[in-house]
């Protein structure tokens, strides 16, 4: 499963990439399968839920690649192995990402990504690929100051507990016993995590810090 923001640009990108790999599938069937993979019974139900959140902070959905395939099978399709929904969602070309990944020598990309997060007022997350392992870093400085209250006091403590529990669950799949977590909802770092686990953890942490923004919308940002 993988988290993705349900912006119009992201949905168009995902469907366009899928059509290139499997052109015989109708667009409406891709829409229904994507809605199913996000946990909705129908595409109409997904659209209704999507319209209930802020236009500034779109819905964050968790797509299940197996559910996606199974829904398309009910329409009579059989996706070839080359159709990898997870790879499409995590492609660097995805318009509205939740994080970026780069090697240490490409840190300028991280600086540019921070400015994008600041303009979108979303949590700043990046994965830095080291020689063998990866580092995940996050920071709240990119948020709108009017939305930071959910990081304070008891609510902030609960967020840290949730992040720590998520870290233990995902890092528990690691063969490396030197994976470390330090920080809170404000800022923090995970070190020495395998590159294949880093996106799972970065996306899960992003979800913990992003979803409260649905109800913390500042006064100058209107609902949909």
N, C-alpha and C. Protein backbone atom coordinates (compact mmCIF):
# COMPACT_ATOMS: atom_id res chain seq x y z
N UNK A 1 0.85 -1.19 0.00
CA UNK A 1 0.00 0.00 0.00
C UNK A 1 0.88 1.24 0.00
N UNK A 2 0.36 2.32 -0.56
CA UNK A 2 1.16 3.53 -0.68
C UNK A 2 0.25 4.76 -0.61
N UNK A 3 0.69 5.78 0.11
CA UNK A 3 -0.07 7.01 0.25
C UNK A 3 0.18 7.93 -0.94
N UNK A 4 -0.89 8.58 -1.39
CA UNK A 4 -0.77 9.55 -2.47
C UNK A 4 -1.84 10.62 -2.28
N UNK A 5 -1.53 11.86 -2.62
CA UNK A 5 -2.50 12.95 -2.55
C UNK A 5 -3.41 12.88 -3.78
N UNK A 6 -4.70 12.99 -3.54
CA UNK A 6 -5.68 12.81 -4.63
C UNK A 6 -5.95 14.12 -5.37
N UNK A 7 -4.90 14.78 -5.80
CA UNK A 7 -5.07 15.99 -6.60
C UNK A 7 -5.46 15.60 -8.03
N UNK A 8 -6.06 16.53 -8.74
CA UNK A 8 -6.42 16.26 -10.13
C UNK A 8 -5.19 15.90 -10.95
N UNK A 9 -4.09 16.61 -10.71
CA UNK A 9 -2.87 16.35 -11.47
C UNK A 9 -2.33 14.95 -11.19
N UNK A 10 -2.37 14.53 -9.93
CA UNK A 10 -1.89 13.19 -9.59
C UNK A 10 -2.76 12.11 -10.23
N UNK A 11 -4.07 12.28 -10.15
CA UNK A 11 -4.98 11.28 -10.73
C UNK A 11 -4.78 11.19 -12.23
N UNK A 12 -4.63 12.35 -12.89
CA UNK A 12 -4.39 12.33 -14.34
C UNK A 12 -3.07 11.63 -14.66
N UNK A 13 -2.04 11.91 -13.87
CA UNK A 13 -0.73 11.29 -14.11
C UNK A 13 -0.83 9.78 -13.96
N UNK A 14 -1.46 9.32 -12.88
CA UNK A 14 -1.57 7.88 -12.62
C UNK A 14 -2.35 7.19 -13.74
N UNK A 15 -3.49 7.77 -14.13
CA UNK A 15 -4.30 7.15 -15.17
C UNK A 15 -3.59 7.17 -16.53
N UNK A 16 -2.85 8.24 -16.81
CA UNK A 16 -2.11 8.32 -18.06
C UNK A 16 -1.02 7.25 -18.10
N UNK A 17 -0.31 7.08 -16.99
CA UNK A 17 0.74 6.05 -16.94
C UNK A 17 0.15 4.66 -17.07
N UNK A 18 -1.02 4.43 -16.47
CA UNK A 18 -1.67 3.13 -16.57
C UNK A 18 -2.13 2.86 -18.00
N UNK A 19 -2.68 3.88 -18.65
CA UNK A 19 -3.18 3.68 -20.02
C UNK A 19 -2.03 3.34 -20.98
N UNK A 20 -0.84 3.90 -20.73
CA UNK A 20 0.31 3.59 -21.59
C UNK A 20 0.70 2.12 -21.45
N UNK A 21 0.55 1.59 -20.23
CA UNK A 21 0.92 0.20 -19.98
C UNK A 21 -0.19 -0.77 -20.37
N UNK A 22 -1.44 -0.32 -20.30
CA UNK A 22 -2.58 -1.20 -20.56
C UNK A 22 -3.67 -0.39 -21.27
N UNK A 23 -3.46 -0.07 -22.55
CA UNK A 23 -4.37 0.83 -23.27
C UNK A 23 -5.78 0.30 -23.48
N UNK A 24 -6.01 -0.99 -23.31
CA UNK A 24 -7.34 -1.54 -23.57
C UNK A 24 -8.33 -1.28 -22.44
N UNK A 25 -7.84 -0.83 -21.28
CA UNK A 25 -8.73 -0.58 -20.14
C UNK A 25 -9.42 0.77 -20.32
N UNK A 26 -10.73 0.79 -20.13
CA UNK A 26 -11.47 2.04 -20.22
C UNK A 26 -11.10 2.97 -19.07
N UNK A 27 -11.14 4.27 -19.34
CA UNK A 27 -10.80 5.25 -18.32
C UNK A 27 -11.71 5.13 -17.10
N UNK A 28 -13.00 4.89 -17.34
CA UNK A 28 -13.95 4.77 -16.24
C UNK A 28 -13.62 3.57 -15.36
N UNK A 29 -13.11 2.50 -15.98
CA UNK A 29 -12.75 1.31 -15.20
C UNK A 29 -11.51 1.57 -14.36
N UNK A 30 -10.55 2.32 -14.90
CA UNK A 30 -9.40 2.72 -14.09
C UNK A 30 -9.86 3.56 -12.90
N UNK A 31 -10.80 4.46 -13.13
CA UNK A 31 -11.31 5.31 -12.05
C UNK A 31 -11.94 4.47 -10.95
N UNK A 32 -12.76 3.50 -11.35
CA UNK A 32 -13.42 2.64 -10.37
C UNK A 32 -12.39 1.80 -9.61
N UNK A 33 -11.39 1.28 -10.32
CA UNK A 33 -10.38 0.44 -9.68
C UNK A 33 -9.53 1.25 -8.71
N UNK A 34 -9.21 2.48 -9.07
CA UNK A 34 -8.44 3.34 -8.17
C UNK A 34 -9.25 3.67 -6.92
N UNK A 35 -10.54 3.93 -7.11
CA UNK A 35 -11.40 4.22 -5.95
C UNK A 35 -11.46 3.00 -5.03
N UNK A 36 -11.60 1.82 -5.61
CA UNK A 36 -11.62 0.60 -4.80
C UNK A 36 -10.31 0.42 -4.05
N UNK A 37 -9.19 0.68 -4.72
CA UNK A 37 -7.88 0.52 -4.09
C UNK A 37 -7.69 1.49 -2.93
N UNK A 38 -8.45 2.61 -2.96
CA UNK A 38 -8.38 3.59 -1.88
C UNK A 38 -9.38 3.29 -0.77
N UNK A 39 -10.15 2.21 -0.90
CA UNK A 39 -11.08 1.81 0.14
C UNK A 39 -12.51 2.24 -0.06
N UNK A 40 -12.86 2.71 -1.26
CA UNK A 40 -14.23 3.17 -1.54
C UNK A 40 -14.97 2.13 -2.35
N UNK A 41 -16.29 2.07 -2.16
CA UNK A 41 -17.11 1.11 -2.92
C UNK A 41 -17.25 1.54 -4.37
N UNK A 42 -17.32 2.86 -4.60
CA UNK A 42 -17.49 3.37 -5.97
C UNK A 42 -16.65 4.62 -6.16
N UNK A 43 -16.45 4.98 -7.43
CA UNK A 43 -15.74 6.21 -7.75
C UNK A 43 -16.54 7.42 -7.30
N UNK A 44 -17.87 7.32 -7.38
CA UNK A 44 -18.73 8.43 -6.94
C UNK A 44 -18.54 8.70 -5.45
N UNK A 45 -18.40 7.64 -4.65
CA UNK A 45 -18.18 7.80 -3.21
C UNK A 45 -16.84 8.48 -2.94
N UNK A 46 -15.83 8.10 -3.71
CA UNK A 46 -14.52 8.74 -3.57
C UNK A 46 -14.61 10.22 -3.90
N UNK A 47 -15.29 10.57 -5.00
CA UNK A 47 -15.41 11.98 -5.39
C UNK A 47 -16.14 12.79 -4.32
N UNK A 48 -17.18 12.20 -3.74
CA UNK A 48 -17.94 12.91 -2.71
C UNK A 48 -17.06 13.18 -1.49
N UNK A 49 -16.25 12.21 -1.09
CA UNK A 49 -15.37 12.38 0.06
C UNK A 49 -14.28 13.39 -0.26
N UNK A 50 -13.77 13.34 -1.47
CA UNK A 50 -12.71 14.25 -1.89
C UNK A 50 -13.17 15.69 -1.87
N UNK A 51 -14.44 15.92 -2.17
CA UNK A 51 -14.98 17.28 -2.21
C UNK A 51 -15.27 17.85 -0.83
N UNK A 52 -15.23 16.99 0.19
CA UNK A 52 -15.52 17.45 1.54
C UNK A 52 -14.31 18.04 2.25
N UNK A 53 -13.12 17.85 1.69
CA UNK A 53 -11.92 18.37 2.34
C UNK A 53 -11.52 19.69 1.67
N UNK A 54 -10.52 20.32 2.26
CA UNK A 54 -10.05 21.61 1.76
C UNK A 54 -9.49 21.48 0.35
N UNK A 55 -9.75 22.47 -0.48
CA UNK A 55 -9.12 22.49 -1.80
C UNK A 55 -7.63 22.73 -1.68
N UNK A 56 -7.18 23.28 -0.57
CA UNK A 56 -5.76 23.56 -0.38
C UNK A 56 -5.02 22.30 0.04
N UNK A 57 -5.62 21.51 0.94
CA UNK A 57 -5.02 20.24 1.36
C UNK A 57 -5.90 19.11 0.88
N UNK A 58 -5.57 18.53 -0.27
CA UNK A 58 -6.40 17.47 -0.85
C UNK A 58 -6.36 16.20 0.00
N UNK A 59 -7.29 15.33 -0.30
CA UNK A 59 -7.41 14.07 0.41
C UNK A 59 -6.14 13.24 0.22
N UNK A 60 -5.69 12.63 1.32
CA UNK A 60 -4.56 11.69 1.25
C UNK A 60 -5.14 10.29 1.29
N UNK A 61 -4.89 9.52 0.25
CA UNK A 61 -5.45 8.17 0.17
C UNK A 61 -4.33 7.14 0.19
N UNK A 62 -4.67 5.95 0.66
CA UNK A 62 -3.72 4.85 0.75
C UNK A 62 -4.15 3.79 -0.25
N UNK A 63 -3.41 3.65 -1.34
CA UNK A 63 -3.81 2.77 -2.42
C UNK A 63 -3.27 1.35 -2.22
N UNK A 64 -4.16 0.39 -2.42
CA UNK A 64 -3.84 -1.02 -2.28
C UNK A 64 -3.74 -1.62 -3.69
N UNK A 65 -2.52 -1.98 -4.10
CA UNK A 65 -2.30 -2.47 -5.46
C UNK A 65 -3.05 -3.78 -5.71
N UNK A 66 -3.17 -4.63 -4.71
CA UNK A 66 -3.90 -5.90 -4.90
C UNK A 66 -5.39 -5.64 -5.13
N UNK A 67 -5.96 -4.71 -4.36
CA UNK A 67 -7.38 -4.37 -4.54
C UNK A 67 -7.61 -3.76 -5.92
N UNK A 68 -6.63 -2.99 -6.39
CA UNK A 68 -6.72 -2.38 -7.72
C UNK A 68 -6.81 -3.46 -8.80
N UNK A 69 -5.92 -4.44 -8.72
CA UNK A 69 -5.92 -5.52 -9.70
C UNK A 69 -7.23 -6.33 -9.63
N UNK A 70 -7.64 -6.63 -8.41
CA UNK A 70 -8.85 -7.44 -8.25
C UNK A 70 -10.08 -6.74 -8.80
N UNK A 71 -10.14 -5.42 -8.62
CA UNK A 71 -11.31 -4.69 -9.15
C UNK A 71 -11.30 -4.71 -10.67
N UNK A 72 -10.15 -4.56 -11.29
CA UNK A 72 -10.09 -4.62 -12.75
C UNK A 72 -10.46 -6.00 -13.26
N UNK A 73 -10.13 -7.03 -12.50
CA UNK A 73 -10.49 -8.39 -12.90
C UNK A 73 -12.00 -8.56 -12.96
N UNK A 74 -12.73 -7.84 -12.09
CA UNK A 74 -14.20 -7.94 -12.14
C UNK A 74 -14.76 -7.32 -13.41
N UNK A 75 -13.97 -6.46 -14.07
CA UNK A 75 -14.39 -5.88 -15.35
C UNK A 75 -13.91 -6.74 -16.53
N UNK A 76 -13.22 -7.84 -16.22
CA UNK A 76 -12.77 -8.74 -17.28
C UNK A 76 -11.35 -8.52 -17.74
N UNK A 77 -10.56 -7.72 -17.04
CA UNK A 77 -9.18 -7.48 -17.42
C UNK A 77 -8.23 -8.32 -16.57
N UNK A 78 -7.07 -8.58 -17.13
CA UNK A 78 -6.00 -9.23 -16.37
C UNK A 78 -4.73 -8.43 -16.60
N UNK A 79 -4.30 -7.71 -15.57
CA UNK A 79 -3.14 -6.85 -15.72
C UNK A 79 -1.85 -7.67 -15.83
N UNK A 80 -1.00 -7.33 -16.79
CA UNK A 80 0.29 -8.01 -16.88
C UNK A 80 1.20 -7.56 -15.73
N UNK A 81 2.22 -8.35 -15.40
CA UNK A 81 3.12 -8.00 -14.30
C UNK A 81 3.78 -6.63 -14.45
N UNK A 82 3.91 -6.16 -15.70
CA UNK A 82 4.58 -4.88 -15.93
C UNK A 82 3.80 -3.70 -15.35
N UNK A 83 2.51 -3.89 -15.09
CA UNK A 83 1.69 -2.81 -14.53
C UNK A 83 1.91 -2.78 -13.02
N UNK A 84 2.77 -1.88 -12.57
CA UNK A 84 3.15 -1.78 -11.16
C UNK A 84 2.59 -0.46 -10.62
N UNK A 85 1.45 -0.52 -9.94
CA UNK A 85 0.81 0.69 -9.43
C UNK A 85 1.71 1.42 -8.44
N UNK A 86 2.40 0.68 -7.60
CA UNK A 86 3.27 1.30 -6.60
C UNK A 86 4.38 2.11 -7.26
N UNK A 87 4.97 1.56 -8.32
CA UNK A 87 6.04 2.27 -9.02
C UNK A 87 5.53 3.56 -9.65
N UNK A 88 4.30 3.54 -10.15
CA UNK A 88 3.71 4.74 -10.74
C UNK A 88 3.49 5.81 -9.69
N UNK A 89 2.94 5.40 -8.55
CA UNK A 89 2.65 6.34 -7.47
C UNK A 89 3.92 6.99 -6.93
N UNK A 90 5.00 6.23 -6.91
CA UNK A 90 6.26 6.73 -6.35
C UNK A 90 7.22 7.27 -7.40
N UNK A 91 6.75 7.42 -8.62
CA UNK A 91 7.60 7.95 -9.68
C UNK A 91 8.01 9.40 -9.37
N UNK A 92 9.25 9.77 -9.64
CA UNK A 92 9.68 11.15 -9.40
C UNK A 92 8.86 12.18 -10.17
N UNK A 93 8.22 11.74 -11.27
CA UNK A 93 7.44 12.66 -12.09
C UNK A 93 6.04 12.93 -11.55
N UNK A 94 5.63 12.21 -10.50
CA UNK A 94 4.30 12.47 -9.92
C UNK A 94 4.21 13.95 -9.55
N UNK A 95 3.18 14.65 -10.02
CA UNK A 95 3.14 16.11 -9.84
C UNK A 95 3.15 16.59 -8.38
N UNK A 96 2.31 15.99 -7.54
CA UNK A 96 2.16 16.47 -6.16
C UNK A 96 2.57 15.36 -5.19
N UNK A 97 3.85 15.34 -4.89
CA UNK A 97 4.39 14.26 -4.07
C UNK A 97 4.29 14.57 -2.58
N UNK A 98 4.50 13.52 -1.78
CA UNK A 98 4.53 13.69 -0.33
C UNK A 98 5.95 13.82 0.18
N UNK A 99 6.91 13.40 -0.62
CA UNK A 99 8.32 13.48 -0.24
C UNK A 99 9.17 13.35 -1.50
N UNK A 100 10.45 13.65 -1.38
CA UNK A 100 11.39 13.40 -2.47
C UNK A 100 12.51 12.51 -1.95
N UNK A 101 13.20 11.89 -2.89
CA UNK A 101 14.33 11.04 -2.56
C UNK A 101 15.52 11.48 -3.40
N UNK A 102 16.69 11.59 -2.78
CA UNK A 102 17.88 12.00 -3.52
C UNK A 102 19.13 11.45 -2.83
N UNK A 103 20.22 11.46 -3.56
CA UNK A 103 21.50 11.07 -3.00
C UNK A 103 22.17 12.29 -2.37
N UNK A 104 23.12 12.04 -1.50
CA UNK A 104 23.74 13.12 -0.74
C UNK A 104 24.28 14.21 -1.66
N UNK A 105 24.85 13.83 -2.79
CA UNK A 105 25.44 14.83 -3.69
C UNK A 105 24.37 15.70 -4.36
N UNK A 106 23.09 15.31 -4.26
CA UNK A 106 22.00 16.06 -4.89
C UNK A 106 21.19 16.85 -3.87
N UNK A 107 21.81 17.33 -2.81
CA UNK A 107 21.08 18.01 -1.74
C UNK A 107 20.37 19.27 -2.22
N UNK A 108 20.80 19.83 -3.35
CA UNK A 108 20.11 21.00 -3.88
C UNK A 108 18.65 20.67 -4.17
N UNK A 109 18.37 19.43 -4.56
CA UNK A 109 17.00 19.00 -4.79
C UNK A 109 16.19 19.12 -3.50
N UNK A 110 16.82 18.79 -2.37
CA UNK A 110 16.14 18.93 -1.09
C UNK A 110 15.79 20.37 -0.77
N UNK A 111 16.66 21.29 -1.12
CA UNK A 111 16.39 22.72 -0.89
C UNK A 111 15.21 23.18 -1.74
N UNK A 112 15.20 22.77 -2.99
CA UNK A 112 14.07 23.14 -3.86
C UNK A 112 12.78 22.51 -3.37
N UNK A 113 12.85 21.28 -2.87
CA UNK A 113 11.67 20.60 -2.37
C UNK A 113 11.13 21.31 -1.13
N UNK A 114 12.01 21.81 -0.28
CA UNK A 114 11.55 22.54 0.90
C UNK A 114 10.73 23.76 0.49
N UNK A 115 11.18 24.47 -0.53
CA UNK A 115 10.45 25.66 -0.98
C UNK A 115 9.07 25.25 -1.54
N UNK A 116 9.01 24.11 -2.21
CA UNK A 116 7.71 23.64 -2.70
C UNK A 116 6.77 23.31 -1.54
N UNK A 117 7.31 22.61 -0.52
CA UNK A 117 6.49 22.26 0.64
C UNK A 117 6.01 23.52 1.35
N UNK A 118 6.86 24.52 1.40
CA UNK A 118 6.50 25.78 2.05
C UNK A 118 5.36 26.46 1.29
N UNK A 119 5.41 26.44 -0.02
CA UNK A 119 4.35 27.07 -0.81
C UNK A 119 3.04 26.28 -0.71
N UNK A 120 3.14 24.96 -0.54
CA UNK A 120 1.94 24.12 -0.40
C UNK A 120 1.51 23.98 1.05
N UNK A 121 2.35 24.46 1.97
CA UNK A 121 2.07 24.42 3.42
C UNK A 121 1.82 23.00 3.91
N UNK A 122 2.71 22.10 3.49
CA UNK A 122 2.62 20.71 3.90
C UNK A 122 3.91 20.33 4.65
N UNK A 123 3.88 19.25 5.43
CA UNK A 123 5.10 18.82 6.12
C UNK A 123 6.22 18.52 5.13
N UNK A 124 7.43 18.87 5.53
CA UNK A 124 8.62 18.71 4.69
C UNK A 124 9.26 17.36 5.00
N UNK A 125 9.25 16.47 4.02
CA UNK A 125 9.85 15.14 4.17
C UNK A 125 10.81 14.87 3.01
N UNK A 126 11.94 14.27 3.33
CA UNK A 126 12.80 13.79 2.24
C UNK A 126 13.52 12.52 2.69
N UNK A 127 13.91 11.73 1.68
CA UNK A 127 14.73 10.54 1.89
C UNK A 127 16.08 10.81 1.25
N UNK A 128 17.12 10.66 2.02
CA UNK A 128 18.48 10.83 1.49
C UNK A 128 19.13 9.46 1.40
N UNK A 129 19.48 9.07 0.17
CA UNK A 129 20.07 7.76 -0.05
C UNK A 129 21.56 7.81 0.24
N UNK A 130 21.98 7.01 1.21
CA UNK A 130 23.40 6.90 1.55
C UNK A 130 24.02 5.75 0.77
N UNK A 131 25.25 5.40 1.11
CA UNK A 131 25.95 4.34 0.37
C UNK A 131 25.21 3.00 0.47
N UNK A 132 24.77 2.64 1.68
CA UNK A 132 24.10 1.35 1.87
C UNK A 132 22.68 1.52 2.38
N UNK A 133 22.48 2.47 3.28
CA UNK A 133 21.19 2.68 3.89
C UNK A 133 20.65 4.06 3.52
N UNK A 134 19.48 4.38 4.06
CA UNK A 134 18.84 5.66 3.76
C UNK A 134 18.55 6.41 5.05
N UNK A 135 18.38 7.71 4.91
CA UNK A 135 18.01 8.60 6.01
C UNK A 135 16.69 9.27 5.66
N UNK A 136 15.78 9.36 6.61
CA UNK A 136 14.52 10.10 6.43
C UNK A 136 14.54 11.29 7.36
N UNK A 137 14.23 12.46 6.83
CA UNK A 137 14.17 13.66 7.67
C UNK A 137 12.85 14.38 7.43
N UNK A 138 12.33 15.00 8.49
CA UNK A 138 11.10 15.79 8.37
C UNK A 138 11.21 17.03 9.23
N UNK A 139 10.40 18.04 8.87
CA UNK A 139 10.43 19.31 9.58
C UNK A 139 9.09 20.02 9.41
N UNK A 140 8.69 20.76 10.45
CA UNK A 140 7.40 21.45 10.42
C UNK A 140 7.51 22.89 9.94
N UNK A 141 8.71 23.39 9.69
CA UNK A 141 8.89 24.80 9.32
C UNK A 141 8.15 25.17 8.05
N UNK A 142 7.82 24.20 7.22
CA UNK A 142 7.11 24.49 5.96
C UNK A 142 5.62 24.69 6.16
N UNK A 143 5.09 24.43 7.36
CA UNK A 143 3.66 24.58 7.62
C UNK A 143 3.27 26.03 7.81
N UNK A 144 1.99 26.30 7.60
CA UNK A 144 1.44 27.61 7.93
C UNK A 144 1.41 27.74 9.45
N UNK A 145 1.90 28.87 10.01
CA UNK A 145 1.92 29.02 11.48
C UNK A 145 0.55 28.83 12.13
N UNK A 146 -0.52 29.11 11.39
CA UNK A 146 -1.85 28.95 11.96
C UNK A 146 -2.27 27.50 12.11
N UNK A 147 -1.50 26.57 11.55
CA UNK A 147 -1.88 25.16 11.58
C UNK A 147 -1.01 24.34 12.53
N UNK A 148 -0.13 24.97 13.27
CA UNK A 148 0.84 24.20 14.06
C UNK A 148 0.29 23.71 15.39
N UNK A 149 -0.89 24.12 15.79
CA UNK A 149 -1.38 23.82 17.14
C UNK A 149 -1.51 22.32 17.41
N UNK A 150 -1.73 21.52 16.36
CA UNK A 150 -1.88 20.08 16.58
C UNK A 150 -0.56 19.41 16.97
N UNK A 151 0.53 20.15 16.89
CA UNK A 151 1.83 19.61 17.29
C UNK A 151 2.17 19.94 18.74
N UNK A 152 1.31 20.70 19.40
CA UNK A 152 1.59 21.17 20.75
C UNK A 152 1.02 20.22 21.81
N UNK A 153 1.61 20.27 22.98
CA UNK A 153 1.07 19.70 24.22
C UNK A 153 0.65 18.24 24.04
N UNK A 154 -0.54 17.89 24.57
CA UNK A 154 -0.97 16.49 24.57
C UNK A 154 -1.16 15.95 23.15
N UNK A 155 -1.67 16.80 22.24
CA UNK A 155 -1.87 16.36 20.86
C UNK A 155 -0.53 16.02 20.22
N UNK A 156 0.48 16.84 20.49
CA UNK A 156 1.81 16.58 19.96
C UNK A 156 2.42 15.31 20.53
N UNK A 157 2.16 15.07 21.83
CA UNK A 157 2.65 13.83 22.45
C UNK A 157 2.02 12.61 21.80
N UNK A 158 0.73 12.71 21.50
CA UNK A 158 0.04 11.59 20.85
C UNK A 158 0.59 11.35 19.45
N UNK A 159 0.91 12.42 18.73
CA UNK A 159 1.49 12.27 17.40
C UNK A 159 2.84 11.56 17.48
N UNK A 160 3.66 11.95 18.45
CA UNK A 160 4.96 11.30 18.60
C UNK A 160 4.79 9.82 18.93
N UNK A 161 3.83 9.49 19.79
CA UNK A 161 3.60 8.08 20.11
C UNK A 161 3.16 7.31 18.87
N UNK A 162 2.32 7.93 18.05
CA UNK A 162 1.88 7.29 16.82
C UNK A 162 3.04 7.08 15.86
N UNK A 163 3.90 8.08 15.75
CA UNK A 163 5.08 7.95 14.88
C UNK A 163 6.00 6.85 15.38
N UNK A 164 6.20 6.80 16.69
CA UNK A 164 7.10 5.80 17.26
C UNK A 164 6.55 4.39 17.04
N UNK A 165 5.23 4.21 17.22
CA UNK A 165 4.61 2.91 16.99
C UNK A 165 4.74 2.50 15.52
N UNK A 166 4.55 3.47 14.62
CA UNK A 166 4.68 3.20 13.18
C UNK A 166 6.12 2.85 12.83
N UNK A 167 7.05 3.58 13.43
CA UNK A 167 8.48 3.27 13.22
C UNK A 167 8.79 1.84 13.64
N UNK A 168 8.32 1.44 14.80
CA UNK A 168 8.61 0.10 15.30
C UNK A 168 8.01 -0.97 14.40
N UNK A 169 6.82 -0.70 13.86
CA UNK A 169 6.17 -1.68 12.99
C UNK A 169 6.93 -1.84 11.69
N UNK A 170 7.29 -0.72 11.04
CA UNK A 170 7.97 -0.80 9.73
C UNK A 170 9.44 -1.16 9.89
N UNK A 171 10.12 -0.54 10.85
CA UNK A 171 11.54 -0.86 11.07
C UNK A 171 11.70 -2.29 11.55
N UNK A 172 10.63 -2.86 12.13
CA UNK A 172 10.69 -4.24 12.55
C UNK A 172 10.85 -5.21 11.40
N UNK A 173 10.58 -4.76 10.18
CA UNK A 173 10.78 -5.59 8.99
C UNK A 173 12.21 -5.52 8.49
N UNK A 174 13.02 -4.68 9.13
CA UNK A 174 14.41 -4.47 8.69
C UNK A 174 15.33 -5.55 9.25
N UNK A 175 16.30 -5.92 8.44
CA UNK A 175 17.32 -6.86 8.90
C UNK A 175 18.45 -6.13 9.64
N UNK A 176 18.42 -4.82 9.59
CA UNK A 176 19.45 -4.01 10.24
C UNK A 176 18.98 -3.60 11.62
N UNK A 177 19.70 -3.98 12.67
CA UNK A 177 19.28 -3.65 14.03
C UNK A 177 19.79 -2.29 14.49
N UNK A 178 20.37 -1.53 13.57
CA UNK A 178 20.89 -0.21 13.93
C UNK A 178 20.03 0.93 13.39
N UNK A 179 18.80 0.63 12.97
CA UNK A 179 17.87 1.67 12.54
C UNK A 179 17.47 2.49 13.77
N UNK A 180 17.53 3.82 13.66
CA UNK A 180 17.21 4.67 14.80
C UNK A 180 16.16 5.71 14.44
N UNK A 181 15.36 6.07 15.44
CA UNK A 181 14.35 7.13 15.32
C UNK A 181 14.65 8.17 16.39
N UNK A 182 14.69 9.44 15.99
CA UNK A 182 14.84 10.53 16.96
C UNK A 182 14.01 11.70 16.49
N UNK A 183 13.26 12.32 17.42
CA UNK A 183 12.48 13.49 17.05
C UNK A 183 11.05 13.42 17.52
N UNK A 184 10.21 14.23 16.89
CA UNK A 184 8.80 14.34 17.24
C UNK A 184 8.05 14.80 15.99
N UNK A 185 6.82 15.30 16.18
CA UNK A 185 6.08 15.83 15.05
C UNK A 185 6.70 17.11 14.49
N UNK A 186 7.47 17.80 15.31
CA UNK A 186 8.11 19.03 14.85
C UNK A 186 9.20 18.73 13.82
N UNK A 187 10.13 17.91 14.22
CA UNK A 187 11.27 17.60 13.36
C UNK A 187 11.88 16.30 13.84
N UNK A 188 12.57 15.62 12.95
CA UNK A 188 13.19 14.37 13.36
C UNK A 188 13.89 13.68 12.22
N UNK A 189 14.53 12.57 12.56
CA UNK A 189 15.32 11.83 11.59
C UNK A 189 15.27 10.34 11.90
N UNK A 190 15.17 9.54 10.86
CA UNK A 190 15.36 8.09 10.95
C UNK A 190 16.63 7.77 10.18
N UNK A 191 17.52 7.03 10.80
CA UNK A 191 18.80 6.70 10.17
C UNK A 191 18.94 5.19 9.98
N UNK A 192 19.75 4.84 8.98
CA UNK A 192 20.16 3.45 8.74
C UNK A 192 19.00 2.52 8.39
N UNK A 193 18.04 3.03 7.64
CA UNK A 193 16.93 2.19 7.20
C UNK A 193 17.18 1.74 5.76
N UNK A 194 16.75 0.51 5.44
CA UNK A 194 16.95 0.01 4.09
C UNK A 194 16.20 0.87 3.07
N UNK A 195 16.79 1.09 1.91
CA UNK A 195 16.15 1.94 0.89
C UNK A 195 14.76 1.48 0.48
N UNK A 196 14.49 0.16 0.51
CA UNK A 196 13.17 -0.32 0.09
C UNK A 196 12.11 -0.09 1.16
N UNK A 197 12.52 0.11 2.42
CA UNK A 197 11.57 0.39 3.49
C UNK A 197 11.37 1.89 3.71
N UNK A 198 12.33 2.70 3.27
CA UNK A 198 12.29 4.14 3.53
C UNK A 198 11.02 4.81 2.98
N UNK A 199 10.57 4.52 1.75
CA UNK A 199 9.34 5.16 1.26
C UNK A 199 8.11 4.78 2.09
N UNK A 200 8.04 3.53 2.52
CA UNK A 200 6.90 3.11 3.35
C UNK A 200 6.82 3.94 4.63
N UNK A 201 7.97 4.12 5.28
CA UNK A 201 8.00 4.85 6.54
C UNK A 201 7.78 6.34 6.32
N UNK A 202 8.39 6.91 5.30
CA UNK A 202 8.23 8.34 5.02
C UNK A 202 6.76 8.66 4.72
N UNK A 203 6.11 7.82 3.93
CA UNK A 203 4.70 8.05 3.59
C UNK A 203 3.80 7.91 4.83
N UNK A 204 4.09 6.90 5.65
CA UNK A 204 3.28 6.69 6.86
C UNK A 204 3.44 7.86 7.84
N UNK A 205 4.66 8.35 8.00
CA UNK A 205 4.90 9.52 8.85
C UNK A 205 4.21 10.76 8.28
N UNK A 206 4.30 10.93 6.95
CA UNK A 206 3.64 12.07 6.32
C UNK A 206 2.14 12.03 6.61
N UNK A 207 1.54 10.85 6.52
CA UNK A 207 0.09 10.73 6.78
C UNK A 207 -0.24 11.16 8.20
N UNK A 208 0.59 10.79 9.16
CA UNK A 208 0.34 11.16 10.56
C UNK A 208 0.37 12.67 10.74
N UNK A 209 1.29 13.33 10.06
CA UNK A 209 1.45 14.78 10.23
C UNK A 209 0.54 15.59 9.29
N UNK A 210 0.09 14.98 8.21
CA UNK A 210 -0.71 15.71 7.22
C UNK A 210 -2.20 15.68 7.52
N UNK A 211 -2.73 14.55 7.92
CA UNK A 211 -4.18 14.42 8.06
C UNK A 211 -4.80 15.39 9.06
N UNK A 212 -4.13 15.77 10.16
CA UNK A 212 -4.74 16.77 11.04
C UNK A 212 -4.97 18.12 10.37
N UNK A 213 -4.30 18.38 9.25
CA UNK A 213 -4.48 19.66 8.57
C UNK A 213 -5.90 19.81 8.03
N UNK A 214 -6.61 18.68 7.81
CA UNK A 214 -7.99 18.77 7.34
C UNK A 214 -8.84 19.61 8.29
N UNK A 215 -8.60 19.49 9.59
CA UNK A 215 -9.42 20.22 10.56
C UNK A 215 -8.71 21.42 11.14
N UNK A 216 -7.44 21.64 10.76
CA UNK A 216 -6.70 22.79 11.26
C UNK A 216 -6.61 23.90 10.23
N UNK A 217 -7.53 23.89 9.25
CA UNK A 217 -7.46 24.86 8.16
C UNK A 217 -7.48 26.28 8.68
N UNK A 218 -6.48 27.10 8.34
CA UNK A 218 -6.46 28.50 8.79
C UNK A 218 -7.58 29.30 8.18
N UNK A 219 -7.87 30.44 8.78
CA UNK A 219 -9.03 31.23 8.38
C UNK A 219 -8.95 31.75 6.96
N UNK A 220 -7.73 31.93 6.43
CA UNK A 220 -7.60 32.50 5.08
C UNK A 220 -7.65 31.43 3.99
N UNK A 221 -7.82 30.17 4.38
CA UNK A 221 -7.94 29.09 3.40
C UNK A 221 -9.34 28.53 3.46
N UNK A 222 -10.04 28.54 2.35
CA UNK A 222 -11.44 28.16 2.32
C UNK A 222 -11.61 26.66 2.08
N UNK A 223 -12.70 26.12 2.57
CA UNK A 223 -13.02 24.74 2.31
C UNK A 223 -13.51 24.58 0.88
N UNK A 224 -13.55 23.35 0.45
CA UNK A 224 -14.03 23.08 -0.92
C UNK A 224 -15.51 23.40 -1.03
